[in-house]
Amino acid sequence: MMNAKTSERRIRNNRIKRRRELRQRFIICIFTFLLVVTFSSLFFSFKTKAQGSDKEILYKYYKSIVVQDGDTLWNYACQYGEEQYYGSYDDYINEVICINSLSDDKIIAGQHLILPYYSTEFVS
């Protein structure tokens, strides 16, 4: 009789232990699933915000001009080198000097120059 009661108790304890283990595994699985869903939604929401910018897209173009009498690089910087695209007019002038392989900022009438400028319009 004692053996039967001990056996039944052991069986009942094993069942309880298995149910507890299954419950713990189930809770761990649910918790892991929720973590994955949470981190995935956070990751993709940041990615979506980065792609959905309201800023206008600016395209950089180059224009070939012939220098007229009285023109200076400063005049061209004021006309094409908007400070929102360049740190200053001096930065624009330095870029023009570099593009056109000039030794300094002196230009003469009749000289051909390539001037950079920005536009929101896309030209294909």
PDB file of N, CA and C in Angstrom:
ATOM      1  N   MET A   1       0.796  -1.183   0.000  1.00  0.00           N
ATOM      2  CA  MET A   1       0.000   0.000   0.000  1.00  0.00           C
ATOM      3  C   MET A   1       0.854   1.269   0.000  1.00  0.00           C
ATOM      4  N   MET A   2       1.884   1.250   0.785  1.00  0.00           N
ATOM      5  CA  MET A   2       2.752   2.407   0.845  1.00  0.00           C
ATOM      6  C   MET A   2       3.418   2.670  -0.490  1.00  0.00           C
ATOM      7  N   ASN A   3       3.773   1.618  -1.175  1.00  0.00           N
ATOM      8  CA  ASN A   3       4.392   1.759  -2.491  1.00  0.00           C
ATOM      9  C   ASN A   3       3.450   2.405  -3.486  1.00  0.00           C
ATOM     10  N   ALA A   4       2.185   2.038  -3.439  1.00  0.00           N
ATOM     11  CA  ALA A   4       1.190   2.581  -4.369  1.00  0.00           C
ATOM     12  C   ALA A   4       0.982   4.061  -4.117  1.00  0.00           C
ATOM     13  N   LYS A   5       0.885   4.449  -2.816  1.00  0.00           N
ATOM     14  CA  LYS A   5       0.696   5.867  -2.499  1.00  0.00           C
ATOM     15  C   LYS A   5       1.915   6.686  -2.902  1.00  0.00           C
ATOM     16  N   THR A   6       3.085   6.163  -2.668  1.00  0.00           N
ATOM     17  CA  THR A   6       4.311   6.853  -3.048  1.00  0.00           C
ATOM     18  C   THR A   6       4.391   6.995  -4.562  1.00  0.00           C
ATOM     19  N   SER A   7       4.010   5.950  -5.235  1.00  0.00           N
ATOM     20  CA  SER A   7       4.010   5.968  -6.701  1.00  0.00           C
ATOM     21  C   SER A   7       3.037   7.005  -7.235  1.00  0.00           C
ATOM     22  N   GLU A   8       1.837   7.024  -6.679  1.00  0.00           N
ATOM     23  CA  GLU A   8       0.829   7.995  -7.127  1.00  0.00           C
ATOM     24  C   GLU A   8       1.288   9.426  -6.838  1.00  0.00           C
ATOM     25  N   ARG A   9       1.874   9.622  -5.685  1.00  0.00           N
ATOM     26  CA  ARG A   9       2.367  10.943  -5.310  1.00  0.00           C
ATOM     27  C   ARG A   9       3.479  11.391  -6.267  1.00  0.00           C
ATOM     28  N   ARG A  10       4.377  10.467  -6.589  1.00  0.00           N
ATOM     29  CA  ARG A  10       5.475  10.769  -7.504  1.00  0.00           C
ATOM     30  C   ARG A  10       4.918  11.121  -8.883  1.00  0.00           C
ATOM     31  N   ILE A  11       3.935  10.345  -9.358  1.00  0.00           N
ATOM     32  CA  ILE A  11       3.313  10.599 -10.664  1.00  0.00           C
ATOM     33  C   ILE A  11       2.642  11.973 -10.658  1.00  0.00           C
ATOM     34  N   ARG A  12       1.886  12.261  -9.583  1.00  0.00           N
ATOM     35  CA  ARG A  12       1.191  13.544  -9.481  1.00  0.00           C
ATOM     36  C   ARG A  12       2.207  14.697  -9.435  1.00  0.00           C
ATOM     37  N   ASN A  13       3.269  14.540  -8.693  1.00  0.00           N
ATOM     38  CA  ASN A  13       4.312  15.575  -8.611  1.00  0.00           C
ATOM     39  C   ASN A  13       5.001  15.778  -9.961  1.00  0.00           C
ATOM     40  N   ASN A  14       5.236  14.679 -10.673  1.00  0.00           N
ATOM     41  CA  ASN A  14       5.850  14.793 -12.003  1.00  0.00           C
ATOM     42  C   ASN A  14       4.938  15.545 -12.971  1.00  0.00           C
ATOM     43  N   ARG A  15       3.616  15.250 -12.901  1.00  0.00           N
ATOM     44  CA  ARG A  15       2.664  15.965 -13.764  1.00  0.00           C
ATOM     45  C   ARG A  15       2.667  17.462 -13.447  1.00  0.00           C
ATOM     46  N   ILE A  16       2.627  17.765 -12.172  1.00  0.00           N
ATOM     47  CA  ILE A  16       2.642  19.175 -11.755  1.00  0.00           C
ATOM     48  C   ILE A  16       3.929  19.852 -12.234  1.00  0.00           C
ATOM     49  N   LYS A  17       5.034  19.153 -12.084  1.00  0.00           N
ATOM     50  CA  LYS A  17       6.327  19.693 -12.508  1.00  0.00           C
ATOM     51  C   LYS A  17       6.347  19.929 -14.020  1.00  0.00           C
ATOM     52  N   ARG A  18       5.825  18.959 -14.814  1.00  0.00           N
ATOM     53  CA  ARG A  18       5.778  19.113 -16.274  1.00  0.00           C
ATOM     54  C   ARG A  18       4.881  20.272 -16.675  1.00  0.00           C
ATOM     55  N   ARG A  19       3.717  20.376 -16.023  1.00  0.00           N
ATOM     56  CA  ARG A  19       2.806  21.487 -16.334  1.00  0.00           C
ATOM     57  C   ARG A  19       3.463  22.830 -16.024  1.00  0.00           C
ATOM     58  N   ARG A  20       4.153  22.919 -14.909  1.00  0.00           N
ATOM     59  CA  ARG A  20       4.854  24.141 -14.525  1.00  0.00           C
ATOM     60  C   ARG A  20       5.926  24.486 -15.569  1.00  0.00           C
ATOM     61  N   GLU A  21       6.696  23.477 -16.000  1.00  0.00           N
ATOM     62  CA  GLU A  21       7.729  23.698 -17.021  1.00  0.00           C
ATOM     63  C   GLU A  21       7.112  24.153 -18.338  1.00  0.00           C
ATOM     64  N   LEU A  22       6.004  23.494 -18.735  1.00  0.00           N
ATOM     65  CA  LEU A  22       5.325  23.895 -19.972  1.00  0.00           C
ATOM     66  C   LEU A  22       4.799  25.322 -19.872  1.00  0.00           C
ATOM     67  N   ARG A  23       4.229  25.676 -18.734  1.00  0.00           N
ATOM     68  CA  ARG A  23       3.718  27.026 -18.526  1.00  0.00           C
ATOM     69  C   ARG A  23       4.866  28.040 -18.612  1.00  0.00           C
ATOM     70  N   GLN A  24       5.999  27.730 -17.999  1.00  0.00           N
ATOM     71  CA  GLN A  24       7.155  28.626 -18.045  1.00  0.00           C
ATOM     72  C   GLN A  24       7.663  28.783 -19.478  1.00  0.00           C
ATOM     73  N   ARG A  25       7.752  27.685 -20.200  1.00  0.00           N
ATOM     74  CA  ARG A  25       8.198  27.754 -21.597  1.00  0.00           C
ATOM     75  C   ARG A  25       7.231  28.573 -22.442  1.00  0.00           C
ATOM     76  N   PHE A  26       5.934  28.383 -22.206  1.00  0.00           N
ATOM     77  CA  PHE A  26       4.920  29.133 -22.943  1.00  0.00           C
ATOM     78  C   PHE A  26       5.055  30.630 -22.656  1.00  0.00           C
ATOM     79  N   ILE A  27       5.226  30.982 -21.395  1.00  0.00           N
ATOM     80  CA  ILE A  27       5.388  32.391 -21.023  1.00  0.00           C
ATOM     81  C   ILE A  27       6.650  32.976 -21.648  1.00  0.00           C
ATOM     82  N   ILE A  28       7.737  32.219 -21.643  1.00  0.00           N
ATOM     83  CA  ILE A  28       8.986  32.683 -22.265  1.00  0.00           C
ATOM     84  C   ILE A  28       8.794  32.885 -23.766  1.00  0.00           C
ATOM     85  N   CYS A  29       8.102  31.962 -24.417  1.00  0.00           N
ATOM     86  CA  CYS A  29       7.843  32.094 -25.861  1.00  0.00           C
ATOM     87  C   CYS A  29       7.001  33.332 -26.153  1.00  0.00           C
ATOM     88  N   ILE A  30       5.950  33.556 -25.389  1.00  0.00           N
ATOM     89  CA  ILE A  30       5.097  34.735 -25.579  1.00  0.00           C
ATOM     90  C   ILE A  30       5.903  36.008 -25.351  1.00  0.00           C
ATOM     91  N   PHE A  31       6.684  36.042 -24.289  1.00  0.00           N
ATOM     92  CA  PHE A  31       7.507  37.204 -23.984  1.00  0.00           C
ATOM     93  C   PHE A  31       8.507  37.479 -25.109  1.00  0.00           C
ATOM     94  N   THR A  32       9.164  36.443 -25.607  1.00  0.00           N
ATOM     95  CA  THR A  32      10.113  36.592 -26.710  1.00  0.00           C
ATOM     96  C   THR A  32       9.415  37.110 -27.959  1.00  0.00           C
ATOM     97  N   PHE A  33       8.256  36.566 -28.268  1.00  0.00           N
ATOM     98  CA  PHE A  33       7.486  37.019 -29.428  1.00  0.00           C
ATOM     99  C   PHE A  33       7.135  38.500 -29.298  1.00  0.00           C
ATOM    100  N   LEU A  34       6.677  38.910 -28.126  1.00  0.00           N
ATOM    101  CA  LEU A  34       6.322  40.316 -27.907  1.00  0.00           C
ATOM    102  C   LEU A  34       7.539  41.233 -28.040  1.00  0.00           C
ATOM    103  N   LEU A  35       8.688  40.788 -27.542  1.00  0.00           N
ATOM    104  CA  LEU A  35       9.911  41.577 -27.700  1.00  0.00           C
ATOM    105  C   LEU A  35      10.285  41.742 -29.169  1.00  0.00           C
ATOM    106  N   VAL A  36      10.212  40.662 -29.921  1.00  0.00           N
ATOM    107  CA  VAL A  36      10.537  40.718 -31.350  1.00  0.00           C
ATOM    108  C   VAL A  36       9.590  41.666 -32.075  1.00  0.00           C
ATOM    109  N   VAL A  37       8.309  41.570 -31.793  1.00  0.00           N
ATOM    110  CA  VAL A  37       7.323  42.448 -32.435  1.00  0.00           C
ATOM    111  C   VAL A  37       7.585  43.903 -32.063  1.00  0.00           C
ATOM    112  N   THR A  38       7.861  44.166 -30.798  1.00  0.00           N
ATOM    113  CA  THR A  38       8.117  45.533 -30.340  1.00  0.00           C
ATOM    114  C   THR A  38       9.347  46.120 -31.014  1.00  0.00           C
ATOM    115  N   PHE A  39      10.459  45.398 -30.993  1.00  0.00           N
ATOM    116  CA  PHE A  39      11.675  45.915 -31.602  1.00  0.00           C
ATOM    117  C   PHE A  39      11.539  46.047 -33.115  1.00  0.00           C
ATOM    118  N   SER A  40      10.842  45.141 -33.744  1.00  0.00           N
ATOM    119  CA  SER A  40      10.625  45.238 -35.192  1.00  0.00           C
ATOM    120  C   SER A  40       9.813  46.475 -35.533  1.00  0.00           C
ATOM    121  N   SER A  41       8.758  46.720 -34.784  1.00  0.00           N
ATOM    122  CA  SER A  41       7.931  47.894 -35.073  1.00  0.00           C
ATOM    123  C   SER A  41       8.710  49.178 -34.827  1.00  0.00           C
ATOM    124  N   LEU A  42       9.531  49.216 -33.783  1.00  0.00           N
ATOM    125  CA  LEU A  42      10.361  50.396 -33.542  1.00  0.00           C
ATOM    126  C   LEU A  42      11.364  50.599 -34.664  1.00  0.00           C
ATOM    127  N   PHE A  43      12.020  49.545 -35.082  1.00  0.00           N
ATOM    128  CA  PHE A  43      13.017  49.645 -36.147  1.00  0.00           C
ATOM    129  C   PHE A  43      12.387  50.146 -37.437  1.00  0.00           C
ATOM    130  N   PHE A  44      11.274  49.566 -37.835  1.00  0.00           N
ATOM    131  CA  PHE A  44      10.657  49.953 -39.097  1.00  0.00           C
ATOM    132  C   PHE A  44       9.998  51.319 -39.019  1.00  0.00           C
ATOM    133  N   SER A  45       9.577  51.756 -37.851  1.00  0.00           N
ATOM    134  CA  SER A  45       9.002  53.095 -37.745  1.00  0.00           C
ATOM    135  C   SER A  45      10.089  54.144 -37.909  1.00  0.00           C
ATOM    136  N   PHE A  46      11.298  53.900 -37.391  1.00  0.00           N
ATOM    137  CA  PHE A  46      12.397  54.837 -37.597  1.00  0.00           C
ATOM    138  C   PHE A  46      12.798  54.878 -39.056  1.00  0.00           C
ATOM    139  N   LYS A  47      12.833  53.743 -39.694  1.00  0.00           N
ATOM    140  CA  LYS A  47      13.203  53.686 -41.103  1.00  0.00           C
ATOM    141  C   LYS A  47      12.186  54.441 -41.951  1.00  0.00           C
ATOM    142  N   THR A  48      10.922  54.306 -41.649  1.00  0.00           N
ATOM    143  CA  THR A  48       9.882  54.994 -42.397  1.00  0.00           C
ATOM    144  C   THR A  48      10.003  56.498 -42.229  1.00  0.00           C
ATOM    145  N   LYS A  49      10.274  56.953 -41.025  1.00  0.00           N
ATOM    146  CA  LYS A  49      10.418  58.388 -40.795  1.00  0.00           C
ATOM    147  C   LYS A  49      11.605  58.942 -41.567  1.00  0.00           C
ATOM    148  N   ALA A  50      12.686  58.190 -41.645  1.00  0.00           N
ATOM    149  CA  ALA A  50      13.859  58.664 -42.363  1.00  0.00           C
ATOM    150  C   ALA A  50      13.576  58.785 -43.853  1.00  0.00           C
ATOM    151  N   GLN A  51      12.770  57.914 -44.400  1.00  0.00           N
ATOM    152  CA  GLN A  51      12.478  57.963 -45.824  1.00  0.00           C
ATOM    153  C   GLN A  51      11.421  59.000 -46.153  1.00  0.00           C
ATOM    154  N   GLY A  52      10.582  59.344 -45.209  1.00  0.00           N
ATOM    155  CA  GLY A  52       9.472  60.243 -45.481  1.00  0.00           C
ATOM    156  C   GLY A  52       9.811  61.693 -45.204  1.00  0.00           C
ATOM    157  N   SER A  53      10.896  62.181 -45.733  1.00  0.00           N
ATOM    158  CA  SER A  53      11.324  63.549 -45.488  1.00  0.00           C
ATOM    159  C   SER A  53      10.479  64.540 -46.284  1.00  0.00           C
ATOM    160  N   ASP A  54      10.170  65.675 -45.647  1.00  0.00           N
ATOM    161  CA  ASP A  54       9.404  66.719 -46.318  1.00  0.00           C
ATOM    162  C   ASP A  54      10.301  67.724 -47.030  1.00  0.00           C
ATOM    163  N   LYS A  55      11.600  67.573 -46.902  1.00  0.00           N
ATOM    164  CA  LYS A  55      12.519  68.509 -47.543  1.00  0.00           C
ATOM    165  C   LYS A  55      12.477  68.355 -49.056  1.00  0.00           C
ATOM    166  N   GLU A  56      12.691  69.475 -49.714  1.00  0.00           N
ATOM    167  CA  GLU A  56      12.773  69.423 -51.172  1.00  0.00           C
ATOM    168  C   GLU A  56      14.116  68.822 -51.567  1.00  0.00           C
ATOM    169  N   ILE A  57      14.100  68.084 -52.631  1.00  0.00           N
ATOM    170  CA  ILE A  57      15.338  67.507 -53.143  1.00  0.00           C
ATOM    171  C   ILE A  57      15.995  68.552 -54.028  1.00  0.00           C
ATOM    172  N   LEU A  58      17.270  68.802 -53.780  1.00  0.00           N
ATOM    173  CA  LEU A  58      18.007  69.790 -54.555  1.00  0.00           C
ATOM    174  C   LEU A  58      18.974  69.078 -55.490  1.00  0.00           C
ATOM    175  N   TYR A  59      19.039  69.574 -56.693  1.00  0.00           N
ATOM    176  CA  TYR A  59      19.938  69.014 -57.697  1.00  0.00           C
ATOM    177  C   TYR A  59      20.991  70.064 -58.028  1.00  0.00           C
ATOM    178  N   LYS A  60      22.215  69.611 -58.174  1.00  0.00           N
ATOM    179  CA  LYS A  60      23.302  70.528 -58.498  1.00  0.00           C
ATOM    180  C   LYS A  60      23.538  70.484 -59.997  1.00  0.00           C
ATOM    181  N   TYR A  61      23.589  71.677 -60.605  1.00  0.00           N
ATOM    182  CA  TYR A  61      23.810  71.800 -62.037  1.00  0.00           C
ATOM    183  C   TYR A  61      24.981  72.738 -62.290  1.00  0.00           C
ATOM    184  N   TYR A  62      25.424  72.738 -63.535  1.00  0.00           N
ATOM    185  CA  TYR A  62      26.516  73.612 -63.942  1.00  0.00           C
ATOM    186  C   TYR A  62      26.078  74.374 -65.176  1.00  0.00           C
ATOM    187  N   LYS A  63      26.445  75.642 -65.208  1.00  0.00           N
ATOM    188  CA  LYS A  63      26.033  76.521 -66.298  1.00  0.00           C
ATOM    189  C   LYS A  63      27.279  77.152 -66.903  1.00  0.00           C
ATOM    190  N   SER A  64      27.346  77.166 -68.226  1.00  0.00           N
ATOM    191  CA  SER A  64      28.462  77.800 -68.919  1.00  0.00           C
ATOM    192  C   SER A  64      28.054  79.224 -69.289  1.00  0.00           C
ATOM    193  N   ILE A  65      28.884  80.175 -68.904  1.00  0.00           N
ATOM    194  CA  ILE A  65      28.582  81.578 -69.210  1.00  0.00           C
ATOM    195  C   ILE A  65      29.807  82.243 -69.836  1.00  0.00           C
ATOM    196  N   VAL A  66      29.562  83.373 -70.486  1.00  0.00           N
ATOM    197  CA  VAL A  66      30.644  84.216 -71.001  1.00  0.00           C
ATOM    198  C   VAL A  66      30.656  85.464 -70.132  1.00  0.00           C
ATOM    199  N   VAL A  67      31.819  85.775 -69.576  1.00  0.00           N
ATOM    200  CA  VAL A  67      31.945  86.921 -68.676  1.00  0.00           C
ATOM    201  C   VAL A  67      31.711  88.205 -69.464  1.00  0.00           C
ATOM    202  N   GLN A  68      30.851  89.054 -68.926  1.00  0.00           N
ATOM    203  CA  GLN A  68      30.563  90.359 -69.527  1.00  0.00           C
ATOM    204  C   GLN A  68      31.424  91.423 -68.849  1.00  0.00           C
ATOM    205  N   ASP A  69      31.560  92.556 -69.505  1.00  0.00           N
ATOM    206  CA  ASP A  69      32.348  93.663 -68.971  1.00  0.00           C
ATOM    207  C   ASP A  69      31.779  94.098 -67.617  1.00  0.00           C
ATOM    208  N   GLY A  70      32.604  94.191 -66.607  1.00  0.00           N
ATOM    209  CA  GLY A  70      32.180  94.626 -65.278  1.00  0.00           C
ATOM    210  C   GLY A  70      31.744  93.493 -64.355  1.00  0.00           C
ATOM    211  N   ASP A  71      31.641  92.281 -64.874  1.00  0.00           N
ATOM    212  CA  ASP A  71      31.257  91.145 -64.030  1.00  0.00           C
ATOM    213  C   ASP A  71      32.413  90.745 -63.113  1.00  0.00           C
ATOM    214  N   THR A  72      32.064  90.284 -61.933  1.00  0.00           N
ATOM    215  CA  THR A  72      33.062  89.766 -60.986  1.00  0.00           C
ATOM    216  C   THR A  72      32.559  88.431 -60.442  1.00  0.00           C
ATOM    217  N   LEU A  73      33.458  87.683 -59.858  1.00  0.00           N
ATOM    218  CA  LEU A  73      33.045  86.427 -59.236  1.00  0.00           C
ATOM    219  C   LEU A  73      32.093  86.695 -58.067  1.00  0.00           C
ATOM    220  N   TRP A  74      32.265  87.834 -57.434  1.00  0.00           N
ATOM    221  CA  TRP A  74      31.364  88.186 -56.337  1.00  0.00           C
ATOM    222  C   TRP A  74      29.936  88.358 -56.856  1.00  0.00           C
ATOM    223  N   ASN A  75      29.778  88.982 -58.037  1.00  0.00           N
ATOM    224  CA  ASN A  75      28.439  89.132 -58.642  1.00  0.00           C
ATOM    225  C   ASN A  75      27.819  87.758 -58.903  1.00  0.00           C
ATOM    226  N   TYR A  76      28.609  86.845 -59.454  1.00  0.00           N
ATOM    227  CA  TYR A  76      28.096  85.500 -59.735  1.00  0.00           C
ATOM    228  C   TYR A  76      27.769  84.756 -58.437  1.00  0.00           C
ATOM    229  N   ALA A  77      28.585  84.982 -57.408  1.00  0.00           N
ATOM    230  CA  ALA A  77      28.316  84.347 -56.110  1.00  0.00           C
ATOM    231  C   ALA A  77      26.987  84.843 -55.546  1.00  0.00           C
ATOM    232  N   CYS A  78      26.717  86.134 -55.688  1.00  0.00           N
ATOM    233  CA  CYS A  78      25.440  86.688 -55.203  1.00  0.00           C
ATOM    234  C   CYS A  78      24.268  86.136 -56.009  1.00  0.00           C
ATOM    235  N   GLN A  79      24.487  85.898 -57.300  1.00  0.00           N
ATOM    236  CA  GLN A  79      23.410  85.427 -58.170  1.00  0.00           C
ATOM    237  C   GLN A  79      23.155  83.926 -58.018  1.00  0.00           C
ATOM    238  N   TYR A  80      24.207  83.110 -57.966  1.00  0.00           N
ATOM    239  CA  TYR A  80      24.054  81.649 -57.982  1.00  0.00           C
ATOM    240  C   TYR A  80      24.431  80.954 -56.669  1.00  0.00           C
ATOM    241  N   GLY A  81      25.245  81.578 -55.867  1.00  0.00           N
ATOM    242  CA  GLY A  81      25.778  80.916 -54.665  1.00  0.00           C
ATOM    243  C   GLY A  81      24.980  81.208 -53.422  1.00  0.00           C
ATOM    244  N   GLU A  82      23.736  80.798 -53.417  1.00  0.00           N
ATOM    245  CA  GLU A  82      22.874  81.054 -52.264  1.00  0.00           C
ATOM    246  C   GLU A  82      23.483  80.444 -51.005  1.00  0.00           C
ATOM    247  N   GLU A  83      23.418  81.196 -49.933  1.00  0.00           N
ATOM    248  CA  GLU A  83      24.089  80.777 -48.697  1.00  0.00           C
ATOM    249  C   GLU A  83      23.473  79.541 -48.051  1.00  0.00           C
ATOM    250  N   GLN A  84      22.260  79.172 -48.439  1.00  0.00           N
ATOM    251  CA  GLN A  84      21.689  77.937 -47.884  1.00  0.00           C
ATOM    252  C   GLN A  84      22.378  76.707 -48.459  1.00  0.00           C
ATOM    253  N   TYR A  85      23.045  76.847 -49.602  1.00  0.00           N
ATOM    254  CA  TYR A  85      23.762  75.726 -50.216  1.00  0.00           C
ATOM    255  C   TYR A  85      25.255  75.800 -49.938  1.00  0.00           C
ATOM    256  N   TYR A  86      25.757  76.992 -49.741  1.00  0.00           N
ATOM    257  CA  TYR A  86      27.177  77.203 -49.474  1.00  0.00           C
ATOM    258  C   TYR A  86      27.297  77.912 -48.134  1.00  0.00           C
ATOM    259  N   GLY A  87      28.387  77.687 -47.447  1.00  0.00           N
ATOM    260  CA  GLY A  87      28.579  78.346 -46.160  1.00  0.00           C
ATOM    261  C   GLY A  87      28.656  79.855 -46.288  1.00  0.00           C
ATOM    262  N   SER A  88      29.258  80.317 -47.373  1.00  0.00           N
ATOM    263  CA  SER A  88      29.396  81.753 -47.614  1.00  0.00           C
ATOM    264  C   SER A  88      29.638  81.966 -49.103  1.00  0.00           C
ATOM    265  N   TYR A  89      29.609  83.227 -49.504  1.00  0.00           N
ATOM    266  CA  TYR A  89      29.907  83.541 -50.906  1.00  0.00           C
ATOM    267  C   TYR A  89      31.357  83.202 -51.236  1.00  0.00           C
ATOM    268  N   ASP A  90      32.234  83.325 -50.252  1.00  0.00           N
ATOM    269  CA  ASP A  90      33.640  82.962 -50.477  1.00  0.00           C
ATOM    270  C   ASP A  90      33.779  81.479 -50.814  1.00  0.00           C
ATOM    271  N   ASP A  91      32.979  80.623 -50.180  1.00  0.00           N
ATOM    272  CA  ASP A  91      33.005  79.190 -50.503  1.00  0.00           C
ATOM    273  C   ASP A  91      32.586  78.959 -51.952  1.00  0.00           C
ATOM    274  N   TYR A  92      31.568  79.689 -52.395  1.00  0.00           N
ATOM    275  CA  TYR A  92      31.113  79.565 -53.784  1.00  0.00           C
ATOM    276  C   TYR A  92      32.217  80.020 -54.737  1.00  0.00           C
ATOM    277  N   ILE A  93      32.818  81.161 -54.437  1.00  0.00           N
ATOM    278  CA  ILE A  93      33.893  81.689 -55.296  1.00  0.00           C
ATOM    279  C   ILE A  93      35.054  80.702 -55.357  1.00  0.00           C
ATOM    280  N   ASN A  94      35.414  80.110 -54.238  1.00  0.00           N
ATOM    281  CA  ASN A  94      36.505  79.116 -54.233  1.00  0.00           C
ATOM    282  C   ASN A  94      36.158  77.904 -55.084  1.00  0.00           C
ATOM    283  N   GLU A  95      34.900  77.488 -55.073  1.00  0.00           N
ATOM    284  CA  GLU A  95      34.496  76.361 -55.920  1.00  0.00           C
ATOM    285  C   GLU A  95      34.591  76.733 -57.398  1.00  0.00           C
ATOM    286  N   VAL A  96      34.155  77.944 -57.753  1.00  0.00           N
ATOM    287  CA  VAL A  96      34.244  78.398 -59.149  1.00  0.00           C
ATOM    288  C   VAL A  96      35.702  78.459 -59.582  1.00  0.00           C
ATOM    289  N   ILE A  97      36.566  78.967 -58.726  1.00  0.00           N
ATOM    290  CA  ILE A  97      38.000  79.030 -59.038  1.00  0.00           C
ATOM    291  C   ILE A  97      38.546  77.626 -59.279  1.00  0.00           C
ATOM    292  N   CYS A  98      38.163  76.686 -58.445  1.00  0.00           N
ATOM    293  CA  CYS A  98      38.636  75.301 -58.575  1.00  0.00           C
ATOM    294  C   CYS A  98      38.104  74.651 -59.852  1.00  0.00           C
ATOM    295  N   ILE A  99      36.804  74.797 -60.115  1.00  0.00           N
ATOM    296  CA  ILE A  99      36.191  74.175 -61.296  1.00  0.00           C
ATOM    297  C   ILE A  99      36.833  74.675 -62.582  1.00  0.00           C
ATOM    298  N   ASN A 100      37.119  75.973 -62.627  1.00  0.00           N
ATOM    299  CA  ASN A 100      37.623  76.596 -63.850  1.00  0.00           C
ATOM    300  C   ASN A 100      39.144  76.697 -63.898  1.00  0.00           C
ATOM    301  N   SER A 101      39.824  76.102 -62.929  1.00  0.00           N
ATOM    302  CA  SER A 101      41.292  76.104 -62.862  1.00  0.00           C
ATOM    303  C   SER A 101      41.858  77.517 -62.938  1.00  0.00           C
ATOM    304  N   LEU A 102      41.264  78.420 -62.187  1.00  0.00           N
ATOM    305  CA  LEU A 102      41.753  79.800 -62.142  1.00  0.00           C
ATOM    306  C   LEU A 102      42.825  79.905 -61.067  1.00  0.00           C
ATOM    307  N   SER A 103      43.772  80.826 -61.269  1.00  0.00           N
ATOM    308  CA  SER A 103      44.829  81.000 -60.274  1.00  0.00           C
ATOM    309  C   SER A 103      44.403  81.956 -59.161  1.00  0.00           C
ATOM    310  N   ASP A 104      43.461  82.848 -59.466  1.00  0.00           N
ATOM    311  CA  ASP A 104      42.921  83.757 -58.446  1.00  0.00           C
ATOM    312  C   ASP A 104      41.495  84.131 -58.824  1.00  0.00           C
ATOM    313  N   ASP A 105      40.955  85.156 -58.176  1.00  0.00           N
ATOM    314  CA  ASP A 105      39.555  85.511 -58.422  1.00  0.00           C
ATOM    315  C   ASP A 105      39.379  86.570 -59.504  1.00  0.00           C
ATOM    316  N   LYS A 106      40.403  86.821 -60.276  1.00  0.00           N
ATOM    317  CA  LYS A 106      40.327  87.815 -61.358  1.00  0.00           C
ATOM    318  C   LYS A 106      39.778  87.153 -62.621  1.00  0.00           C
ATOM    319  N   ILE A 107      38.753  87.781 -63.215  1.00  0.00           N
ATOM    320  CA  ILE A 107      38.198  87.295 -64.482  1.00  0.00           C
ATOM    321  C   ILE A 107      38.140  88.465 -65.452  1.00  0.00           C
ATOM    322  N   ILE A 108      38.132  88.140 -66.755  1.00  0.00           N
ATOM    323  CA  ILE A 108      38.109  89.198 -67.776  1.00  0.00           C
ATOM    324  C   ILE A 108      36.938  88.971 -68.721  1.00  0.00           C
ATOM    325  N   ALA A 109      36.469  90.055 -69.314  1.00  0.00           N
ATOM    326  CA  ALA A 109      35.342  89.987 -70.248  1.00  0.00           C
ATOM    327  C   ALA A 109      35.686  89.048 -71.399  1.00  0.00           C
ATOM    328  N   GLY A 110      34.724  88.244 -71.827  1.00  0.00           N
ATOM    329  CA  GLY A 110      34.919  87.294 -72.912  1.00  0.00           C
ATOM    330  C   GLY A 110      35.373  85.918 -72.446  1.00  0.00           C
ATOM    331  N   GLN A 111      35.784  85.815 -71.222  1.00  0.00           N
ATOM    332  CA  GLN A 111      36.239  84.539 -70.667  1.00  0.00           C
ATOM    333  C   GLN A 111      35.030  83.625 -70.433  1.00  0.00           C
ATOM    334  N   HIS A 112      35.204  82.333 -70.707  1.00  0.00           N
ATOM    335  CA  HIS A 112      34.139  81.348 -70.463  1.00  0.00           C
ATOM    336  C   HIS A 112      34.330  80.749 -69.073  1.00  0.00           C
ATOM    337  N   LEU A 113      33.236  80.665 -68.327  1.00  0.00           N
ATOM    338  CA  LEU A 113      33.276  80.081 -66.991  1.00  0.00           C
ATOM    339  C   LEU A 113      32.162  79.053 -66.832  1.00  0.00           C
ATOM    340  N   ILE A 114      32.421  78.085 -65.999  1.00  0.00           N
ATOM    341  CA  ILE A 114      31.385  77.125 -65.609  1.00  0.00           C
ATOM    342  C   ILE A 114      30.999  77.470 -64.178  1.00  0.00           C
ATOM    343  N   LEU A 115      29.694  77.703 -63.973  1.00  0.00           N
ATOM    344  CA  LEU A 115      29.196  78.099 -62.659  1.00  0.00           C
ATOM    345  C   LEU A 115      28.250  77.034 -62.108  1.00  0.00           C
ATOM    346  N   PRO A 116      28.462  76.602 -60.879  1.00  0.00           N
ATOM    347  CA  PRO A 116      27.526  75.652 -60.257  1.00  0.00           C
ATOM    348  C   PRO A 116      26.318  76.398 -59.692  1.00  0.00           C
ATOM    349  N   TYR A 117      25.175  75.724 -59.688  1.00  0.00           N
ATOM    350  CA  TYR A 117      23.981  76.275 -59.044  1.00  0.00           C
ATOM    351  C   TYR A 117      23.074  75.124 -58.644  1.00  0.00           C
ATOM    352  N   TYR A 118      22.166  75.396 -57.747  1.00  0.00           N
ATOM    353  CA  TYR A 118      21.229  74.381 -57.258  1.00  0.00           C
ATOM    354  C   TYR A 118      19.818  74.711 -57.703  1.00  0.00           C
ATOM    355  N   SER A 119      19.042  73.646 -57.949  1.00  0.00           N
ATOM    356  CA  SER A 119      17.648  73.815 -58.339  1.00  0.00           C
ATOM    357  C   SER A 119      16.835  72.631 -57.817  1.00  0.00           C
ATOM    358  N   THR A 120      15.549  72.885 -57.557  1.00  0.00           N
ATOM    359  CA  THR A 120      14.659  71.796 -57.151  1.00  0.00           C
ATOM    360  C   THR A 120      14.103  71.070 -58.372  1.00  0.00           C
ATOM    361  N   GLU A 121      14.286  71.657 -59.531  1.00  0.00           N
ATOM    362  CA  GLU A 121      13.781  71.069 -60.775  1.00  0.00           C
ATOM    363  C   GLU A 121      14.766  70.024 -61.282  1.00  0.00           C
ATOM    364  N   PHE A 122      14.256  68.851 -61.622  1.00  0.00           N
ATOM    365  CA  PHE A 122      15.107  67.785 -62.151  1.00  0.00           C
ATOM    366  C   PHE A 122      15.125  67.872 -63.667  1.00  0.00           C
ATOM    367  N   VAL A 123      16.317  67.982 -64.236  1.00  0.00           N
ATOM    368  CA  VAL A 123      16.481  68.034 -65.685  1.00  0.00           C
ATOM    369  C   VAL A 123      17.153  66.738 -66.104  1.00  0.00           C
ATOM    370  N   SER A 124      16.475  65.997 -66.975  1.00  0.00           N
ATOM    371  CA  SER A 124      17.056  64.712 -67.386  1.00  0.00           C
ATOM    372  C   SER A 124      17.867  64.847 -68.646  1.00  0.00           C
TER     373      SER A 124
END
